[in-house]
Amino acid sequence: MTSTADGQRAPEDVLVALADPIRREVLAVLAREGGATSTSLAAGLPVTRQAVAKHLAVLDRAGLVRAHRAGREVRYEVDLQPLRQAMRWMDTLATQWEHRLDAIKDLAEGATGEA
């Protein structure tokens, strides 16, 4: 896990975790059902329970899931806070690029207006 200067999770952890379609599906199922075990998740996915456990470990490192032991089972639940933080970062980045592109547009239109 990487962190930003202010101690927040770095957005790349979330983006790397979400890059895999199986992990996105695991996250969607957990969000829809409110939590599940790796065994119950594997029953609805085209991968083994061991593969689901590895995907859950990646999601856990990114902070997108939390594990809770319930007797012999480990239940996983979604934590959307890191996703919200990554979304805010992407919004900031998009705004910066919009300003840059507007400046380029203004320069280009000024150059064509002078000709």
Protein backbone atom coordinates (compact mmCIF):
# COMPACT_ATOMS: atom_id res chain seq x y z
CA MET A 1 0.00 0.00 0.00
CA THR A 2 1.22 3.48 -0.84
CA SER A 3 0.15 6.66 0.88
CA THR A 4 0.02 10.31 -0.03
CA ALA A 5 1.80 13.03 1.95
CA ASP A 6 -1.29 13.59 4.11
CA GLY A 7 -1.54 9.90 5.06
CA GLN A 8 -4.41 9.09 2.69
CA ARG A 9 -4.30 6.00 0.49
CA ALA A 10 -2.75 6.73 -2.86
CA PRO A 11 -5.26 6.60 -5.73
CA GLU A 12 -3.11 4.13 -7.65
CA ASP A 13 -3.83 1.43 -5.05
CA VAL A 14 -7.53 1.75 -5.80
CA LEU A 15 -7.01 2.00 -9.56
CA VAL A 16 -4.78 -1.10 -9.61
CA ALA A 17 -7.32 -3.03 -7.54
CA LEU A 18 -10.16 -2.02 -9.87
CA ALA A 19 -8.19 -2.82 -13.03
CA ASP A 20 -9.23 -6.49 -12.90
CA PRO A 21 -12.79 -7.35 -14.01
CA ILE A 22 -13.12 -10.16 -11.44
CA ARG A 23 -12.21 -7.76 -8.62
CA ARG A 24 -14.76 -5.27 -9.91
CA GLU A 25 -17.37 -8.03 -9.91
CA VAL A 26 -16.38 -9.11 -6.37
CA LEU A 27 -16.77 -5.51 -5.21
CA ALA A 28 -20.14 -5.18 -6.95
CA VAL A 29 -21.44 -8.38 -5.34
CA LEU A 30 -20.24 -7.29 -1.91
CA ALA A 31 -21.86 -3.87 -2.33
CA ARG A 32 -25.12 -5.43 -3.55
CA GLU A 33 -25.32 -8.14 -0.89
CA GLY A 34 -23.81 -6.20 2.01
CA GLY A 35 -21.08 -8.76 2.61
CA ALA A 36 -20.09 -12.34 1.85
CA THR A 37 -17.49 -15.03 2.42
CA SER A 38 -14.92 -16.02 -0.20
CA THR A 39 -16.76 -19.34 -0.58
CA SER A 40 -20.11 -17.70 -1.30
CA LEU A 41 -18.46 -15.24 -3.68
CA ALA A 42 -16.72 -18.05 -5.59
CA ALA A 43 -20.04 -19.84 -6.07
CA GLY A 44 -21.23 -17.00 -8.31
CA LEU A 45 -17.98 -16.31 -10.14
CA PRO A 46 -16.05 -18.18 -12.84
CA VAL A 47 -12.99 -18.60 -10.57
CA THR A 48 -12.00 -20.81 -7.63
CA ARG A 49 -12.36 -19.89 -3.98
CA GLN A 50 -8.57 -19.58 -3.80
CA ALA A 51 -8.59 -17.09 -6.68
CA VAL A 52 -11.36 -15.13 -4.96
CA ALA A 53 -9.29 -15.07 -1.76
CA LYS A 54 -6.34 -13.61 -3.70
CA HIS A 55 -8.58 -10.99 -5.30
CA LEU A 56 -9.98 -10.13 -1.87
CA ALA A 57 -6.43 -9.67 -0.57
CA VAL A 58 -5.73 -7.11 -3.32
CA LEU A 59 -8.99 -5.30 -2.54
CA ASP A 60 -8.11 -5.38 1.15
CA ARG A 61 -4.66 -3.86 0.54
CA ALA A 62 -6.37 -1.05 -1.39
CA GLY A 63 -8.73 -0.55 1.55
CA LEU A 64 -11.81 -1.37 -0.53
CA VAL A 65 -12.94 -4.29 1.65
CA ARG A 66 -12.83 -5.08 5.36
CA ALA A 67 -12.64 -8.60 6.74
CA HIS A 68 -14.58 -9.66 9.84
CA ARG A 69 -14.21 -13.06 11.44
CA ALA A 70 -17.57 -14.64 12.31
CA GLY A 71 -16.79 -17.98 13.96
CA ARG A 72 -14.94 -20.10 11.42
CA GLU A 73 -15.85 -17.84 8.51
CA VAL A 74 -14.33 -14.59 7.35
CA ARG A 75 -16.93 -12.19 5.97
CA TYR A 76 -15.94 -9.33 3.70
CA GLU A 77 -17.69 -5.99 3.42
CA VAL A 78 -17.14 -3.03 1.11
CA ASP A 79 -15.47 0.17 2.29
CA LEU A 80 -16.14 2.88 -0.28
CA GLN A 81 -14.03 5.61 1.35
CA PRO A 82 -10.85 4.84 -0.67
CA LEU A 83 -12.97 4.85 -3.86
CA ARG A 84 -14.39 8.26 -2.93
CA GLN A 85 -10.87 9.56 -2.33
CA ALA A 86 -9.74 8.27 -5.74
CA MET A 87 -12.78 9.89 -7.36
CA ARG A 88 -11.91 13.25 -5.76
CA TRP A 89 -8.34 12.90 -7.05
CA MET A 90 -9.62 12.15 -10.57
CA ASP A 91 -12.02 15.12 -10.41
CA THR A 92 -9.12 17.41 -9.44
CA LEU A 93 -6.98 16.01 -12.24
CA ALA A 94 -9.81 16.47 -14.76
CA THR A 95 -10.25 20.09 -13.68
CA GLN A 96 -6.53 20.75 -14.09
CA TRP A 97 -6.60 19.30 -17.61
CA GLU A 98 -9.68 21.33 -18.52
CA HIS A 99 -7.83 24.51 -17.50
CA ARG A 100 -4.79 23.48 -19.53
CA LEU A 101 -6.87 22.65 -22.60
CA ASP A 102 -8.78 25.94 -22.28
CA ALA A 103 -5.46 27.80 -22.20
CA ILE A 104 -4.28 25.96 -25.32
CA LYS A 105 -7.58 26.74 -27.04
CA ASP A 106 -7.25 30.42 -26.14
CA LEU A 107 -3.69 30.49 -27.50
CA ALA A 108 -4.73 28.75 -30.71
CA GLU A 109 -7.71 31.05 -31.26
CA GLY A 110 -5.53 34.08 -30.54
CA ALA A 111 -2.97 32.93 -33.08
CA THR A 112 -5.58 32.44 -35.79
CA GLY A 113 -7.19 35.79 -34.99
CA GLU A 114 -3.85 37.59 -35.55
CA ALA A 115 -3.27 36.13 -39.01
